[in-house]
Amino acid sequence: MKGTMNNPLADPTEQLRSVERTRIQALVSGDMAVARLLHSPAFQIITAIGENMSRDEYLSAVESGTVKYVRWEPGDIAVRFHGDAAVLRCRARREVIFGGSPMPPANYWHTDLYELTDGAWRAVWSHITEIY
């Protein structure tokens, strides 16, 4: 895990793409230890239905199964660096069970802001928009 997050020899763009894929996999598999490491304490998400959630609210919802990712397949991840911050954007196909109700599989745009803190990239903001 540490090598994925902090390998100084890795191409920075590929390193960040790997961190994002690891974060997604942690959310799908319910690996909350990894998910907590990859989400800043200041993390906030704007969900596809417009709800604003803090890191603790979001990760608690995933941990409790209120939000259950059945499938989350990101496409190509675009990365733009701005000093110790980076913006990632990708289109993804997701299947989610929300509050016990399966949602139809759908495509979404994901935009995520990462910051480099103490030598590790962590998600700070996420915004999701459903593609109709």
N, C-alpha and C. Protein backbone atom coordinates (compact mmCIF):
# COMPACT_ATOMS: atom_id res chain seq x y z
N MET A 1 0.82 -1.19 0.00
CA MET A 1 0.00 0.00 0.00
C MET A 1 0.87 1.25 0.00
N LYS A 2 1.85 1.28 0.90
CA LYS A 2 2.69 2.47 0.98
C LYS A 2 3.38 2.74 -0.35
N GLY A 3 3.86 1.70 -1.02
CA GLY A 3 4.51 1.89 -2.31
C GLY A 3 3.56 2.46 -3.34
N THR A 4 2.31 2.09 -3.29
CA THR A 4 1.32 2.62 -4.22
C THR A 4 1.12 4.10 -4.00
N MET A 5 1.08 4.51 -2.73
CA MET A 5 0.79 5.89 -2.40
C MET A 5 2.00 6.80 -2.54
N ASN A 6 3.21 6.28 -2.29
CA ASN A 6 4.35 7.18 -2.11
C ASN A 6 5.60 6.77 -2.87
N ASN A 7 5.52 6.00 -3.90
CA ASN A 7 6.69 5.56 -4.64
C ASN A 7 7.33 6.75 -5.35
N PRO A 8 8.50 7.21 -4.88
CA PRO A 8 9.11 8.41 -5.48
C PRO A 8 9.58 8.18 -6.91
N LEU A 9 9.73 6.92 -7.33
CA LEU A 9 10.19 6.64 -8.68
C LEU A 9 9.05 6.59 -9.69
N ALA A 10 7.83 6.53 -9.22
CA ALA A 10 6.67 6.41 -10.11
C ALA A 10 6.39 7.73 -10.81
N ASP A 11 5.89 7.63 -12.03
CA ASP A 11 5.41 8.81 -12.75
C ASP A 11 4.29 9.43 -11.91
N PRO A 12 4.34 10.72 -11.60
CA PRO A 12 3.33 11.32 -10.72
C PRO A 12 1.89 11.13 -11.21
N THR A 13 1.67 11.20 -12.50
CA THR A 13 0.32 11.02 -13.03
C THR A 13 -0.15 9.59 -12.80
N GLU A 14 0.71 8.62 -13.10
CA GLU A 14 0.34 7.21 -12.89
C GLU A 14 0.21 6.91 -11.40
N GLN A 15 1.05 7.51 -10.59
CA GLN A 15 0.97 7.31 -9.15
C GLN A 15 -0.40 7.76 -8.63
N LEU A 16 -0.85 8.92 -9.07
CA LEU A 16 -2.14 9.44 -8.61
C LEU A 16 -3.30 8.60 -9.15
N ARG A 17 -3.19 8.16 -10.39
CA ARG A 17 -4.22 7.26 -10.94
C ARG A 17 -4.31 5.98 -10.11
N SER A 18 -3.17 5.46 -9.71
CA SER A 18 -3.14 4.26 -8.88
C SER A 18 -3.78 4.51 -7.51
N VAL A 19 -3.51 5.65 -6.93
CA VAL A 19 -4.13 6.00 -5.64
C VAL A 19 -5.64 6.07 -5.80
N GLU A 20 -6.11 6.68 -6.88
CA GLU A 20 -7.56 6.79 -7.11
C GLU A 20 -8.19 5.41 -7.29
N ARG A 21 -7.55 4.54 -8.06
CA ARG A 21 -8.08 3.18 -8.24
C ARG A 21 -8.09 2.41 -6.91
N THR A 22 -7.06 2.62 -6.10
CA THR A 22 -7.00 1.98 -4.78
C THR A 22 -8.12 2.49 -3.89
N ARG A 23 -8.38 3.79 -3.94
CA ARG A 23 -9.46 4.39 -3.14
C ARG A 23 -10.81 3.81 -3.57
N ILE A 24 -11.04 3.72 -4.87
CA ILE A 24 -12.30 3.16 -5.38
C ILE A 24 -12.45 1.71 -4.93
N GLN A 25 -11.39 0.92 -5.07
CA GLN A 25 -11.45 -0.48 -4.68
C GLN A 25 -11.73 -0.62 -3.19
N ALA A 26 -11.15 0.25 -2.38
CA ALA A 26 -11.39 0.20 -0.93
C ALA A 26 -12.86 0.48 -0.63
N LEU A 27 -13.47 1.42 -1.35
CA LEU A 27 -14.88 1.73 -1.14
C LEU A 27 -15.77 0.58 -1.60
N VAL A 28 -15.44 -0.06 -2.71
CA VAL A 28 -16.24 -1.17 -3.22
C VAL A 28 -16.13 -2.38 -2.29
N SER A 29 -14.92 -2.66 -1.82
CA SER A 29 -14.71 -3.85 -0.98
C SER A 29 -15.02 -3.61 0.49
N GLY A 30 -15.24 -2.34 0.85
CA GLY A 30 -15.53 -2.04 2.25
C GLY A 30 -14.29 -2.05 3.13
N ASP A 31 -13.13 -1.83 2.53
CA ASP A 31 -11.88 -1.79 3.29
C ASP A 31 -11.74 -0.39 3.90
N MET A 32 -12.32 -0.21 5.07
CA MET A 32 -12.42 1.11 5.67
C MET A 32 -11.07 1.62 6.16
N ALA A 33 -10.15 0.75 6.52
CA ALA A 33 -8.82 1.20 6.95
C ALA A 33 -8.13 1.93 5.79
N VAL A 34 -8.16 1.33 4.61
CA VAL A 34 -7.55 1.97 3.44
C VAL A 34 -8.35 3.21 3.04
N ALA A 35 -9.66 3.12 3.06
CA ALA A 35 -10.49 4.26 2.69
C ALA A 35 -10.20 5.46 3.59
N ARG A 36 -10.04 5.24 4.89
CA ARG A 36 -9.75 6.35 5.80
C ARG A 36 -8.39 6.97 5.49
N LEU A 37 -7.41 6.14 5.13
CA LEU A 37 -6.09 6.66 4.79
C LEU A 37 -6.12 7.55 3.54
N LEU A 38 -6.99 7.21 2.60
CA LEU A 38 -7.00 7.91 1.31
C LEU A 38 -7.98 9.07 1.24
N HIS A 39 -8.73 9.32 2.32
CA HIS A 39 -9.64 10.46 2.40
C HIS A 39 -9.13 11.40 3.50
N SER A 40 -8.86 12.62 3.14
CA SER A 40 -8.43 13.62 4.12
C SER A 40 -9.49 13.78 5.21
N PRO A 41 -9.08 14.10 6.44
CA PRO A 41 -10.08 14.42 7.46
C PRO A 41 -11.02 15.55 7.03
N ALA A 42 -10.54 16.42 6.13
CA ALA A 42 -11.36 17.54 5.64
C ALA A 42 -12.20 17.17 4.43
N PHE A 43 -12.20 15.89 4.03
CA PHE A 43 -12.91 15.44 2.83
C PHE A 43 -14.40 15.81 2.87
N GLN A 44 -14.89 16.22 1.71
CA GLN A 44 -16.32 16.44 1.50
C GLN A 44 -16.68 15.90 0.13
N ILE A 45 -17.89 15.34 0.03
CA ILE A 45 -18.38 14.83 -1.24
C ILE A 45 -19.73 15.46 -1.54
N ILE A 46 -19.93 15.80 -2.80
CA ILE A 46 -21.24 16.18 -3.31
C ILE A 46 -21.69 14.99 -4.14
N THR A 47 -22.72 14.30 -3.66
CA THR A 47 -23.17 13.07 -4.32
C THR A 47 -23.95 13.40 -5.59
N ALA A 48 -24.27 12.35 -6.32
CA ALA A 48 -25.03 12.51 -7.57
C ALA A 48 -26.43 13.08 -7.33
N ILE A 49 -26.93 12.96 -6.10
CA ILE A 49 -28.26 13.53 -5.80
C ILE A 49 -28.13 14.88 -5.09
N GLY A 50 -26.90 15.43 -5.06
CA GLY A 50 -26.69 16.77 -4.53
C GLY A 50 -26.48 16.86 -3.03
N GLU A 51 -26.29 15.73 -2.37
CA GLU A 51 -26.08 15.73 -0.93
C GLU A 51 -24.62 16.03 -0.61
N ASN A 52 -24.38 16.90 0.36
CA ASN A 52 -23.04 17.22 0.82
C ASN A 52 -22.75 16.40 2.07
N MET A 53 -21.68 15.60 2.03
CA MET A 53 -21.33 14.75 3.16
C MET A 53 -19.88 14.96 3.55
N SER A 54 -19.60 14.91 4.84
CA SER A 54 -18.23 14.97 5.34
C SER A 54 -17.59 13.59 5.18
N ARG A 55 -16.30 13.51 5.44
CA ARG A 55 -15.62 12.21 5.37
C ARG A 55 -16.28 11.21 6.31
N ASP A 56 -16.50 11.62 7.56
CA ASP A 56 -17.07 10.69 8.53
C ASP A 56 -18.48 10.25 8.14
N GLU A 57 -19.29 11.16 7.63
CA GLU A 57 -20.64 10.80 7.19
C GLU A 57 -20.59 9.82 6.02
N TYR A 58 -19.74 10.13 5.05
CA TYR A 58 -19.63 9.30 3.86
C TYR A 58 -19.09 7.91 4.19
N LEU A 59 -17.96 7.87 4.89
CA LEU A 59 -17.37 6.57 5.18
C LEU A 59 -18.23 5.75 6.14
N SER A 60 -18.95 6.41 7.04
CA SER A 60 -19.90 5.68 7.91
C SER A 60 -21.03 5.07 7.08
N ALA A 61 -21.50 5.81 6.07
CA ALA A 61 -22.56 5.28 5.20
C ALA A 61 -22.07 4.07 4.42
N VAL A 62 -20.81 4.11 3.96
CA VAL A 62 -20.25 2.96 3.25
C VAL A 62 -20.04 1.80 4.22
N GLU A 63 -19.50 2.09 5.38
CA GLU A 63 -19.22 1.04 6.37
C GLU A 63 -20.50 0.34 6.85
N SER A 64 -21.56 1.11 7.04
CA SER A 64 -22.82 0.54 7.53
C SER A 64 -23.62 -0.16 6.43
N GLY A 65 -23.25 0.07 5.17
CA GLY A 65 -23.99 -0.52 4.06
C GLY A 65 -25.12 0.37 3.56
N THR A 66 -25.29 1.54 4.17
CA THR A 66 -26.29 2.49 3.65
C THR A 66 -25.97 2.84 2.21
N VAL A 67 -24.68 2.97 1.91
CA VAL A 67 -24.19 3.11 0.54
C VAL A 67 -23.33 1.89 0.28
N LYS A 68 -23.75 1.05 -0.66
CA LYS A 68 -23.02 -0.17 -1.00
C LYS A 68 -22.71 -0.15 -2.49
N TYR A 69 -21.42 -0.04 -2.80
CA TYR A 69 -21.01 -0.06 -4.20
C TYR A 69 -20.90 -1.52 -4.65
N VAL A 70 -21.75 -1.90 -5.57
CA VAL A 70 -21.73 -3.25 -6.13
C VAL A 70 -20.66 -3.32 -7.22
N ARG A 71 -20.60 -2.26 -8.02
CA ARG A 71 -19.63 -2.18 -9.11
C ARG A 71 -19.28 -0.72 -9.32
N TRP A 72 -18.00 -0.45 -9.56
CA TRP A 72 -17.54 0.92 -9.83
C TRP A 72 -16.35 0.77 -10.76
N GLU A 73 -16.56 1.05 -12.02
CA GLU A 73 -15.54 0.85 -13.05
C GLU A 73 -15.15 2.19 -13.66
N PRO A 74 -14.02 2.75 -13.21
CA PRO A 74 -13.59 4.02 -13.79
C PRO A 74 -13.01 3.82 -15.18
N GLY A 75 -13.23 4.80 -16.04
CA GLY A 75 -12.59 4.81 -17.35
C GLY A 75 -11.23 5.47 -17.23
N ASP A 76 -10.78 6.08 -18.31
CA ASP A 76 -9.51 6.79 -18.28
C ASP A 76 -9.58 7.94 -17.27
N ILE A 77 -8.56 8.06 -16.46
CA ILE A 77 -8.52 9.09 -15.43
C ILE A 77 -7.59 10.21 -15.89
N ALA A 78 -8.17 11.38 -16.11
CA ALA A 78 -7.38 12.56 -16.47
C ALA A 78 -6.87 13.21 -15.18
N VAL A 79 -5.63 13.70 -15.21
CA VAL A 79 -5.02 14.30 -14.03
C VAL A 79 -4.41 15.64 -14.41
N ARG A 80 -4.68 16.65 -13.58
CA ARG A 80 -4.07 17.99 -13.74
C ARG A 80 -3.47 18.37 -12.40
N PHE A 81 -2.18 18.70 -12.41
CA PHE A 81 -1.48 19.08 -11.19
C PHE A 81 -1.45 20.59 -11.02
N HIS A 82 -1.54 21.01 -9.77
CA HIS A 82 -1.43 22.42 -9.39
C HIS A 82 -0.65 22.46 -8.08
N GLY A 83 0.68 22.42 -8.17
CA GLY A 83 1.51 22.37 -6.98
C GLY A 83 1.27 21.10 -6.19
N ASP A 84 0.93 21.25 -4.92
CA ASP A 84 0.66 20.09 -4.06
C ASP A 84 -0.81 19.67 -4.11
N ALA A 85 -1.49 20.05 -5.18
CA ALA A 85 -2.88 19.65 -5.38
C ALA A 85 -3.00 19.08 -6.80
N ALA A 86 -3.99 18.22 -6.98
CA ALA A 86 -4.25 17.66 -8.30
C ALA A 86 -5.74 17.43 -8.43
N VAL A 87 -6.22 17.63 -9.65
CA VAL A 87 -7.62 17.38 -9.96
C VAL A 87 -7.68 16.17 -10.88
N LEU A 88 -8.55 15.23 -10.52
CA LEU A 88 -8.76 14.03 -11.33
C LEU A 88 -10.18 14.05 -11.86
N ARG A 89 -10.33 13.58 -13.09
CA ARG A 89 -11.67 13.51 -13.68
C ARG A 89 -11.75 12.23 -14.50
N CYS A 90 -12.87 11.53 -14.33
CA CYS A 90 -13.09 10.34 -15.15
C CYS A 90 -14.58 10.06 -15.26
N ARG A 91 -14.89 9.31 -16.25
CA ARG A 91 -16.23 8.78 -16.43
C ARG A 91 -16.21 7.38 -15.83
N ALA A 92 -17.27 7.02 -15.14
CA ALA A 92 -17.30 5.70 -14.50
C ALA A 92 -18.69 5.08 -14.62
N ARG A 93 -18.71 3.78 -14.64
CA ARG A 93 -19.95 3.00 -14.61
C ARG A 93 -20.07 2.46 -13.20
N ARG A 94 -21.22 2.74 -12.58
CA ARG A 94 -21.41 2.30 -11.20
C ARG A 94 -22.76 1.64 -11.01
N GLU A 95 -22.76 0.71 -10.06
CA GLU A 95 -23.98 0.09 -9.57
C GLU A 95 -23.95 0.26 -8.06
N VAL A 96 -25.00 0.84 -7.50
CA VAL A 96 -25.02 1.18 -6.07
C VAL A 96 -26.33 0.71 -5.45
N ILE A 97 -26.23 0.23 -4.22
CA ILE A 97 -27.42 -0.02 -3.41
C ILE A 97 -27.44 1.10 -2.37
N PHE A 98 -28.50 1.87 -2.39
CA PHE A 98 -28.60 3.04 -1.51
C PHE A 98 -29.77 2.83 -0.55
N GLY A 99 -29.47 2.78 0.73
CA GLY A 99 -30.52 2.59 1.72
C GLY A 99 -31.29 1.30 1.53
N GLY A 100 -30.60 0.25 1.04
CA GLY A 100 -31.24 -1.04 0.81
C GLY A 100 -31.93 -1.18 -0.53
N SER A 101 -32.00 -0.10 -1.31
CA SER A 101 -32.65 -0.14 -2.62
C SER A 101 -31.61 -0.11 -3.73
N PRO A 102 -31.59 -1.15 -4.58
CA PRO A 102 -30.66 -1.14 -5.71
C PRO A 102 -31.03 -0.02 -6.70
N MET A 103 -30.03 0.73 -7.09
CA MET A 103 -30.20 1.77 -8.10
C MET A 103 -29.82 1.16 -9.45
N PRO A 104 -30.48 1.57 -10.52
CA PRO A 104 -30.09 1.02 -11.83
C PRO A 104 -28.65 1.38 -12.15
N PRO A 105 -27.91 0.48 -12.79
CA PRO A 105 -26.54 0.83 -13.21
C PRO A 105 -26.57 2.11 -14.03
N ALA A 106 -25.58 2.96 -13.83
CA ALA A 106 -25.56 4.24 -14.53
C ALA A 106 -24.12 4.70 -14.74
N ASN A 107 -23.98 5.67 -15.63
CA ASN A 107 -22.69 6.30 -15.90
C ASN A 107 -22.64 7.65 -15.19
N TYR A 108 -21.45 7.98 -14.68
CA TYR A 108 -21.26 9.21 -13.92
C TYR A 108 -19.95 9.88 -14.31
N TRP A 109 -19.90 11.19 -14.16
CA TRP A 109 -18.65 11.93 -14.19
C TRP A 109 -18.21 12.09 -12.75
N HIS A 110 -16.95 11.83 -12.49
CA HIS A 110 -16.36 12.02 -11.16
C HIS A 110 -15.25 13.05 -11.28
N THR A 111 -15.28 14.04 -10.42
CA THR A 111 -14.20 15.02 -10.32
C THR A 111 -13.73 15.00 -8.88
N ASP A 112 -12.44 14.79 -8.69
CA ASP A 112 -11.88 14.68 -7.35
C ASP A 112 -10.67 15.59 -7.21
N LEU A 113 -10.60 16.27 -6.07
CA LEU A 113 -9.46 17.10 -5.73
C LEU A 113 -8.63 16.35 -4.70
N TYR A 114 -7.35 16.17 -4.99
CA TYR A 114 -6.41 15.55 -4.07
C TYR A 114 -5.41 16.60 -3.61
N GLU A 115 -4.91 16.42 -2.40
CA GLU A 115 -3.82 17.24 -1.89
C GLU A 115 -2.73 16.31 -1.37
N LEU A 116 -1.48 16.75 -1.59
CA LEU A 116 -0.32 16.02 -1.09
C LEU A 116 -0.04 16.51 0.32
N THR A 117 -0.22 15.63 1.31
CA THR A 117 -0.03 15.99 2.71
C THR A 117 0.86 14.94 3.36
N ASP A 118 1.92 15.39 3.99
CA ASP A 118 2.85 14.47 4.66
C ASP A 118 3.33 13.38 3.72
N GLY A 119 3.56 13.73 2.46
CA GLY A 119 4.10 12.79 1.48
C GLY A 119 3.11 11.83 0.86
N ALA A 120 1.81 11.99 1.16
CA ALA A 120 0.80 11.08 0.61
C ALA A 120 -0.35 11.87 -0.01
N TRP A 121 -0.87 11.36 -1.12
CA TRP A 121 -2.03 11.97 -1.77
C TRP A 121 -3.30 11.50 -1.07
N ARG A 122 -4.17 12.47 -0.74
CA ARG A 122 -5.46 12.16 -0.11
C ARG A 122 -6.56 12.95 -0.79
N ALA A 123 -7.71 12.30 -0.98
CA ALA A 123 -8.86 12.98 -1.56
C ALA A 123 -9.39 14.00 -0.57
N VAL A 124 -9.68 15.20 -1.07
CA VAL A 124 -10.21 16.30 -0.24
C VAL A 124 -11.64 16.62 -0.63
N TRP A 125 -11.91 16.68 -1.93
CA TRP A 125 -13.26 16.95 -2.42
C TRP A 125 -13.59 15.96 -3.53
N SER A 126 -14.85 15.56 -3.57
CA SER A 126 -15.36 14.75 -4.68
C SER A 126 -16.70 15.31 -5.11
N HIS A 127 -16.92 15.28 -6.41
CA HIS A 127 -18.20 15.71 -6.97
C HIS A 127 -18.60 14.71 -8.04
N ILE A 128 -19.86 14.27 -7.97
CA ILE A 128 -20.35 13.24 -8.90
C ILE A 128 -21.56 13.78 -9.63
N THR A 129 -21.60 13.57 -10.94
CA THR A 129 -22.73 13.98 -11.76
C THR A 129 -23.16 12.80 -12.63
N GLU A 130 -24.43 12.44 -12.54
CA GLU A 130 -24.93 11.35 -13.38
C GLU A 130 -25.02 11.82 -14.82
N ILE A 131 -24.68 10.92 -15.74
CA ILE A 131 -24.77 11.20 -17.17
C ILE A 131 -26.08 10.61 -17.67
N TYR A 132 -26.95 11.45 -18.16
CA TYR A 132 -28.26 11.00 -18.63
C TYR A 132 -28.25 10.77 -20.11
